[in-house]
PDB file of N, CA and C in Angstrom:
ATOM      1  N   UNK A   1       9.379 -40.342  16.018  1.00  0.00           N
ATOM      2  CA  UNK A   1       9.823 -38.842  15.607  1.00  0.00           C
ATOM      3  C   UNK A   1       8.752 -38.260  15.643  1.00  0.00           C
ATOM      4  N   UNK A   2       8.353 -37.368  16.534  1.00  0.00           N
ATOM      5  CA  UNK A   2       7.122 -36.354  16.313  1.00  0.00           C
ATOM      6  C   UNK A   2       7.118 -35.464  15.624  1.00  0.00           C
ATOM      7  N   UNK A   3       6.341 -35.659  14.334  1.00  0.00           N
ATOM      8  CA  UNK A   3       5.760 -33.927  13.936  1.00  0.00           C
ATOM      9  C   UNK A   3       5.098 -33.083  14.658  1.00  0.00           C
ATOM     10  N   UNK A   4       4.985 -31.984  13.978  1.00  0.00           N
ATOM     11  CA  UNK A   4       4.465 -30.824  14.936  1.00  0.00           C
ATOM     12  C   UNK A   4       3.707 -30.230  13.621  1.00  0.00           C
ATOM     13  N   UNK A   5       2.712 -30.886  13.125  1.00  0.00           N
ATOM     14  CA  UNK A   5       2.186 -30.422  12.174  1.00  0.00           C
ATOM     15  C   UNK A   5       1.308 -29.011  13.003  1.00  0.00           C
ATOM     16  N   UNK A   6       1.429 -27.970  12.428  1.00  0.00           N
ATOM     17  CA  UNK A   6       0.607 -26.649  12.875  1.00  0.00           C
ATOM     18  C   UNK A   6      -0.657 -26.725  11.595  1.00  0.00           C
ATOM     19  N   UNK A   7      -1.877 -26.842  12.247  1.00  0.00           N
ATOM     20  CA  UNK A   7      -3.176 -26.099  11.382  1.00  0.00           C
ATOM     21  C   UNK A   7      -3.163 -24.576  10.733  1.00  0.00           C
ATOM     22  N   UNK A   8      -3.206 -24.322   9.470  1.00  0.00           N
ATOM     23  CA  UNK A   8      -3.551 -23.674   8.749  1.00  0.00           C
ATOM     24  C   UNK A   8      -4.881 -23.238   8.214  1.00  0.00           C
ATOM     25  N   UNK A   9      -5.833 -22.813   8.353  1.00  0.00           N
ATOM     26  CA  UNK A   9      -7.045 -22.747   7.344  1.00  0.00           C
ATOM     27  C   UNK A   9      -6.854 -22.018   6.329  1.00  0.00           C
ATOM     28  N   UNK A  10      -7.124 -22.067   5.239  1.00  0.00           N
ATOM     29  CA  UNK A  10      -6.781 -21.690   3.915  1.00  0.00           C
ATOM     30  C   UNK A  10      -7.916 -20.271   3.728  1.00  0.00           C
ATOM     31  N   UNK A  11      -6.777 -19.472   3.267  1.00  0.00           N
ATOM     32  CA  UNK A  11      -7.165 -18.147   3.104  1.00  0.00           C
ATOM     33  C   UNK A  11      -7.835 -17.338   2.153  1.00  0.00           C
ATOM     34  N   UNK A  12      -8.265 -18.322   1.078  1.00  0.00           N
ATOM     35  CA  UNK A  12      -9.521 -17.850   0.131  1.00  0.00           C
ATOM     36  C   UNK A  12     -10.194 -19.347  -0.123  1.00  0.00           C
ATOM     37  N   UNK A  13     -11.172 -19.038  -0.806  1.00  0.00           N
ATOM     38  CA  UNK A  13     -11.781 -20.061  -1.253  1.00  0.00           C
ATOM     39  C   UNK A  13     -10.922 -20.785  -2.512  1.00  0.00           C
ATOM     40  N   UNK A  14      -9.936 -20.538  -2.667  1.00  0.00           N
ATOM     41  CA  UNK A  14      -9.324 -21.355  -4.099  1.00  0.00           C
ATOM     42  C   UNK A  14      -7.775 -22.039  -3.652  1.00  0.00           C
ATOM     43  N   UNK A  15      -7.097 -21.312  -2.250  1.00  0.00           N
ATOM     44  CA  UNK A  15      -5.774 -21.794  -2.317  1.00  0.00           C
ATOM     45  C   UNK A  15      -5.932 -22.900  -1.141  1.00  0.00           C
ATOM     46  N   UNK A  16      -6.479 -24.264  -1.300  1.00  0.00           N
ATOM     47  CA  UNK A  16      -6.520 -25.652  -0.496  1.00  0.00           C
ATOM     48  C   UNK A  16      -4.720 -25.855  -0.489  1.00  0.00           C
ATOM     49  N   UNK A  17      -4.601 -25.913  -2.078  1.00  0.00           N
ATOM     50  CA  UNK A  17      -2.655 -26.728  -2.167  1.00  0.00           C
ATOM     51  C   UNK A  17      -1.887 -25.505  -0.974  1.00  0.00           C
ATOM     52  N   UNK A  18      -2.008 -24.094  -1.577  1.00  0.00           N
ATOM     53  CA  UNK A  18      -1.149 -23.077  -0.682  1.00  0.00           C
ATOM     54  C   UNK A  18      -1.219 -23.957   1.103  1.00  0.00           C
ATOM     55  N   UNK A  19      -2.455 -23.622   0.997  1.00  0.00           N
ATOM     56  CA  UNK A  19      -2.344 -23.952   2.886  1.00  0.00           C
ATOM     57  C   UNK A  19      -2.156 -25.595   3.109  1.00  0.00           C
ATOM     58  N   UNK A  20      -2.027 -26.375   2.708  1.00  0.00           N
ATOM     59  CA  UNK A  20      -1.531 -27.444   2.745  1.00  0.00           C
ATOM     60  C   UNK A  20      -0.088 -27.430   2.433  1.00  0.00           C
ATOM     61  N   UNK A  21       0.265 -26.619   1.652  1.00  0.00           N
ATOM     62  CA  UNK A  21       1.875 -26.710   1.412  1.00  0.00           C
ATOM     63  C   UNK A  21       2.100 -26.074   2.749  1.00  0.00           C
ATOM     64  N   UNK A  22       1.699 -24.835   3.037  1.00  0.00           N
ATOM     65  CA  UNK A  22       2.317 -24.518   4.223  1.00  0.00           C
ATOM     66  C   UNK A  22       2.054 -25.276   5.863  1.00  0.00           C
ATOM     67  N   UNK A  23       0.899 -26.188   5.936  1.00  0.00           N
ATOM     68  CA  UNK A  23       1.409 -27.129   6.826  1.00  0.00           C
ATOM     69  C   UNK A  23       2.308 -28.086   6.983  1.00  0.00           C
ATOM     70  N   UNK A  24       2.658 -28.495   5.576  1.00  0.00           N
ATOM     71  CA  UNK A  24       3.478 -29.778   5.378  1.00  0.00           C
ATOM     72  C   UNK A  24       4.582 -28.945   5.302  1.00  0.00           C
ATOM     73  N   UNK A  25       5.230 -27.601   5.087  1.00  0.00           N
ATOM     74  CA  UNK A  25       6.471 -26.724   5.460  1.00  0.00           C
ATOM     75  C   UNK A  25       6.349 -26.906   7.002  1.00  0.00           C
ATOM     76  N   UNK A  26       5.666 -26.512   7.595  1.00  0.00           N
ATOM     77  CA  UNK A  26       5.626 -26.048   9.299  1.00  0.00           C
ATOM     78  C   UNK A  26       6.234 -27.446   9.944  1.00  0.00           C
ATOM     79  N   UNK A  27       6.039 -28.210   9.326  1.00  0.00           N
ATOM     80  CA  UNK A  27       7.070 -29.656  10.122  1.00  0.00           C
ATOM     81  C   UNK A  27       8.261 -29.729   9.947  1.00  0.00           C
ATOM     82  N   UNK A  28       8.985 -29.083   8.743  1.00  0.00           N
ATOM     83  CA  UNK A  28       9.944 -28.730   8.328  1.00  0.00           C
ATOM     84  C   UNK A  28      10.894 -27.577   8.851  1.00  0.00           C
ATOM     85  N   UNK A  29       9.962 -26.788   9.646  1.00  0.00           N
ATOM     86  CA  UNK A  29      10.223 -25.561  10.365  1.00  0.00           C
ATOM     87  C   UNK A  29      10.556 -24.308   9.090  1.00  0.00           C
ATOM     88  N   UNK A  30       9.746 -24.470   8.495  1.00  0.00           N
ATOM     89  CA  UNK A  30       9.769 -23.875   7.227  1.00  0.00           C
ATOM     90  C   UNK A  30       8.445 -22.741   6.984  1.00  0.00           C
ATOM     91  N   UNK A  31       8.990 -21.443   7.412  1.00  0.00           N
ATOM     92  CA  UNK A  31       7.790 -20.327   7.566  1.00  0.00           C
ATOM     93  C   UNK A  31       7.366 -19.397   6.917  1.00  0.00           C
ATOM     94  N   UNK A  32       6.438 -19.919   5.970  1.00  0.00           N
ATOM     95  CA  UNK A  32       6.268 -19.144   5.018  1.00  0.00           C
ATOM     96  C   UNK A  32       4.466 -19.075   4.944  1.00  0.00           C
ATOM     97  N   UNK A  33       4.228 -17.814   4.594  1.00  0.00           N
ATOM     98  CA  UNK A  33       2.742 -17.134   4.248  1.00  0.00           C
ATOM     99  C   UNK A  33       2.118 -17.679   2.986  1.00  0.00           C
ATOM    100  N   UNK A  34       0.933 -18.428   3.197  1.00  0.00           N
ATOM    101  CA  UNK A  34      -0.050 -18.980   2.454  1.00  0.00           C
ATOM    102  C   UNK A  34       0.158 -18.070   0.981  1.00  0.00           C
ATOM    103  N   UNK A  35       0.102 -16.509   1.104  1.00  0.00           N
ATOM    104  CA  UNK A  35       0.347 -15.890  -0.099  1.00  0.00           C
ATOM    105  C   UNK A  35       1.460 -15.566  -0.568  1.00  0.00           C
ATOM    106  N   UNK A  36       2.826 -15.705  -0.008  1.00  0.00           N
ATOM    107  CA  UNK A  36       4.297 -16.227  -0.579  1.00  0.00           C
ATOM    108  C   UNK A  36       4.155 -17.312  -1.495  1.00  0.00           C
ATOM    109  N   UNK A  37       3.332 -18.510  -0.987  1.00  0.00           N
ATOM    110  CA  UNK A  37       2.964 -19.760  -1.642  1.00  0.00           C
ATOM    111  C   UNK A  37       1.818 -19.628  -3.107  1.00  0.00           C
ATOM    112  N   UNK A  38       0.713 -19.013  -2.717  1.00  0.00           N
ATOM    113  CA  UNK A  38       0.285 -18.648  -3.656  1.00  0.00           C
ATOM    114  C   UNK A  38       0.871 -17.971  -5.048  1.00  0.00           C
ATOM    115  N   UNK A  39       1.580 -17.361  -4.743  1.00  0.00           N
ATOM    116  CA  UNK A  39       2.092 -16.548  -5.797  1.00  0.00           C
ATOM    117  C   UNK A  39       3.722 -17.537  -6.310  1.00  0.00           C
ATOM    118  N   UNK A  40       3.964 -18.144  -5.325  1.00  0.00           N
ATOM    119  CA  UNK A  40       4.960 -18.844  -6.052  1.00  0.00           C
ATOM    120  C   UNK A  40       4.559 -20.710  -7.062  1.00  0.00           C
ATOM    121  N   UNK A  41       2.880 -20.756  -6.709  1.00  0.00           N
ATOM    122  CA  UNK A  41       2.123 -22.034  -7.179  1.00  0.00           C
ATOM    123  C   UNK A  41       1.920 -21.555  -8.597  1.00  0.00           C
ATOM    124  N   UNK A  42       1.723 -20.017  -8.638  1.00  0.00           N
ATOM    125  CA  UNK A  42       0.967 -19.351  -9.705  1.00  0.00           C
ATOM    126  C   UNK A  42      -0.539 -19.700  -9.228  1.00  0.00           C
ATOM    127  N   UNK A  43      -0.867 -19.345  -8.327  1.00  0.00           N
ATOM    128  CA  UNK A  43      -2.593 -20.519  -8.010  1.00  0.00           C
ATOM    129  C   UNK A  43      -3.334 -18.916  -8.751  1.00  0.00           C
ATOM    130  N   UNK A  44      -4.490 -19.395  -8.938  1.00  0.00           N
ATOM    131  CA  UNK A  44      -5.582 -18.336  -9.328  1.00  0.00           C
ATOM    132  C   UNK A  44      -6.874 -18.566  -8.953  1.00  0.00           C
ATOM    133  N   UNK A  45      -8.125 -17.595  -9.274  1.00  0.00           N
ATOM    134  CA  UNK A  45      -9.199 -17.996  -8.538  1.00  0.00           C
ATOM    135  C   UNK A  45      -9.479 -19.417  -9.318  1.00  0.00           C
ATOM    136  N   UNK A  46      -9.462 -19.681 -10.263  1.00  0.00           N
ATOM    137  CA  UNK A  46      -9.658 -21.168 -10.592  1.00  0.00           C
ATOM    138  C   UNK A  46      -8.781 -22.256  -9.664  1.00  0.00           C
ATOM    139  N   UNK A  47      -7.656 -22.043  -8.970  1.00  0.00           N
ATOM    140  CA  UNK A  47      -6.977 -23.100  -8.142  1.00  0.00           C
ATOM    141  C   UNK A  47      -5.703 -23.010  -8.542  1.00  0.00           C
ATOM    142  N   UNK A  48      -5.346 -24.284  -8.077  1.00  0.00           N
ATOM    143  CA  UNK A  48      -3.311 -24.656  -8.256  1.00  0.00           C
ATOM    144  C   UNK A  48      -3.551 -25.773  -9.097  1.00  0.00           C
ATOM    145  N   UNK A  49      -2.581 -25.634 -10.186  1.00  0.00           N
ATOM    146  CA  UNK A  49      -1.936 -26.842 -10.428  1.00  0.00           C
ATOM    147  C   UNK A  49      -1.509 -27.371  -9.836  1.00  0.00           C
ATOM    148  N   UNK A  50      -1.216 -28.822 -10.102  1.00  0.00           N
ATOM    149  CA  UNK A  50      -0.562 -29.492  -9.498  1.00  0.00           C
ATOM    150  C   UNK A  50       0.603 -29.846  -9.524  1.00  0.00           C
ATOM    151  N   UNK A  51       1.521 -29.357 -10.990  1.00  0.00           N
ATOM    152  CA  UNK A  51       2.964 -29.587 -11.118  1.00  0.00           C
ATOM    153  C   UNK A  51       3.200 -28.487 -10.741  1.00  0.00           C
ATOM    154  N   UNK A  52       2.566 -27.155 -10.801  1.00  0.00           N
ATOM    155  CA  UNK A  52       2.888 -25.879 -10.221  1.00  0.00           C
ATOM    156  C   UNK A  52       3.058 -25.649  -9.146  1.00  0.00           C
ATOM    157  N   UNK A  53       2.443 -26.427  -8.098  1.00  0.00           N
ATOM    158  CA  UNK A  53       2.853 -26.701  -6.679  1.00  0.00           C
ATOM    159  C   UNK A  53       4.550 -27.320  -6.763  1.00  0.00           C
ATOM    160  N   UNK A  54       4.140 -28.495  -7.685  1.00  0.00           N
ATOM    161  CA  UNK A  54       5.478 -29.640  -7.030  1.00  0.00           C
ATOM    162  C   UNK A  54       6.671 -28.458  -7.470  1.00  0.00           C
ATOM    163  N   UNK A  55       6.752 -28.052  -8.581  1.00  0.00           N
ATOM    164  CA  UNK A  55       7.874 -27.103  -9.022  1.00  0.00           C
ATOM    165  C   UNK A  55       8.126 -26.002  -8.480  1.00  0.00           C
ATOM    166  N   UNK A  56       6.924 -25.612  -7.548  1.00  0.00           N
ATOM    167  CA  UNK A  56       7.537 -24.501  -6.153  1.00  0.00           C
ATOM    168  C   UNK A  56       8.076 -24.927  -5.124  1.00  0.00           C
ATOM    169  N   UNK A  57       7.649 -26.479  -5.046  1.00  0.00           N
ATOM    170  CA  UNK A  57       8.422 -26.897  -3.735  1.00  0.00           C
ATOM    171  C   UNK A  57      10.062 -27.229  -4.179  1.00  0.00           C
ATOM    172  N   UNK A  58       9.446 -28.159  -5.247  1.00  0.00           N
ATOM    173  CA  UNK A  58      11.436 -28.451  -5.819  1.00  0.00           C
ATOM    174  C   UNK A  58      12.307 -26.790  -5.689  1.00  0.00           C
ATOM    175  N   UNK A  59      11.753 -25.927  -5.837  1.00  0.00           N
ATOM    176  CA  UNK A  59      12.559 -24.676  -6.383  1.00  0.00           C
ATOM    177  C   UNK A  59      12.782 -24.049  -4.925  1.00  0.00           C
ATOM    178  N   UNK A  60      12.021 -24.857  -3.507  1.00  0.00           N
ATOM    179  CA  UNK A  60      12.223 -23.696  -2.235  1.00  0.00           C
ATOM    180  C   UNK A  60      14.126 -24.227  -1.883  1.00  0.00           C
ATOM    181  N   UNK A  61      14.764 -23.407  -1.549  1.00  0.00           N
ATOM    182  CA  UNK A  61      15.845 -23.658  -0.809  1.00  0.00           C
ATOM    183  C   UNK A  61      16.109 -23.850   0.509  1.00  0.00           C
ATOM    184  N   UNK A  62      15.455 -25.788   0.735  1.00  0.00           N
ATOM    185  CA  UNK A  62      15.362 -26.450   1.844  1.00  0.00           C
ATOM    186  C   UNK A  62      16.777 -27.261   2.167  1.00  0.00           C
TER     187      UNK A  62
END
Protein backbone atom coordinates (compact mmCIF):
# COMPACT_ATOMS: atom_id res chain seq x y z
CA UNK A 1 0.00 0.00 0.00
CA UNK A 2 1.45 3.32 -1.03
CA UNK A 3 0.43 6.30 1.08
CA UNK A 4 -0.24 9.67 -0.45
CA UNK A 5 1.18 12.10 2.06
CA UNK A 6 0.28 15.65 1.11
CA UNK A 7 2.78 18.29 2.19
CA UNK A 8 1.32 21.29 4.02
CA UNK A 9 3.63 24.12 5.03
CA UNK A 10 2.90 25.32 8.55
CA UNK A 11 0.95 28.56 8.58
CA UNK A 12 2.43 30.09 11.74
CA UNK A 13 5.83 29.86 13.44
CA UNK A 14 4.23 27.91 16.31
CA UNK A 15 1.98 25.46 14.48
CA UNK A 16 4.38 22.65 13.55
CA UNK A 17 2.37 20.00 15.45
CA UNK A 18 -1.00 20.90 13.85
CA UNK A 19 0.70 21.07 10.43
CA UNK A 20 2.18 17.61 10.99
CA UNK A 21 -1.18 16.24 12.12
CA UNK A 22 -2.78 17.70 9.01
CA UNK A 23 -0.30 15.83 6.81
CA UNK A 24 -0.75 12.54 8.68
CA UNK A 25 -4.54 12.85 8.59
CA UNK A 26 -4.42 13.48 4.84
CA UNK A 27 -3.12 9.92 4.38
CA UNK A 28 -6.39 8.74 5.93
CA UNK A 29 -8.36 11.12 3.68
CA UNK A 30 -9.31 13.35 6.61
CA UNK A 31 -9.37 16.94 5.38
CA UNK A 32 -9.00 19.39 8.25
CA UNK A 33 -7.54 22.86 8.16
CA UNK A 34 -4.52 23.76 10.21
CA UNK A 35 -6.64 26.40 11.96
CA UNK A 36 -9.12 23.70 13.04
CA UNK A 37 -6.29 21.53 14.32
CA UNK A 38 -4.67 24.44 16.17
CA UNK A 39 -7.96 25.03 17.93
CA UNK A 40 -8.51 21.33 18.73
CA UNK A 41 -4.95 21.04 20.07
CA UNK A 42 -5.30 24.25 22.07
CA UNK A 43 -2.16 25.64 20.40
CA UNK A 44 -0.75 28.94 21.61
CA UNK A 45 2.03 31.22 20.34
CA UNK A 46 4.30 29.10 22.56
CA UNK A 47 3.44 25.92 20.65
CA UNK A 48 1.36 22.80 21.21
CA UNK A 49 1.59 20.42 24.14
CA UNK A 50 2.10 16.83 22.95
CA UNK A 51 -0.61 15.40 25.21
CA UNK A 52 -3.15 17.93 23.96
CA UNK A 53 -2.35 16.88 20.39
CA UNK A 54 -2.82 13.22 21.32
CA UNK A 55 -6.14 13.98 23.01
CA UNK A 56 -7.30 15.99 19.98
CA UNK A 57 -6.61 13.12 17.58
CA UNK A 58 -8.18 10.56 19.89
CA UNK A 59 -11.38 12.61 19.93
CA UNK A 60 -11.67 12.83 16.14
CA UNK A 61 -14.45 10.73 14.60
CA UNK A 62 -12.22 8.50 12.47
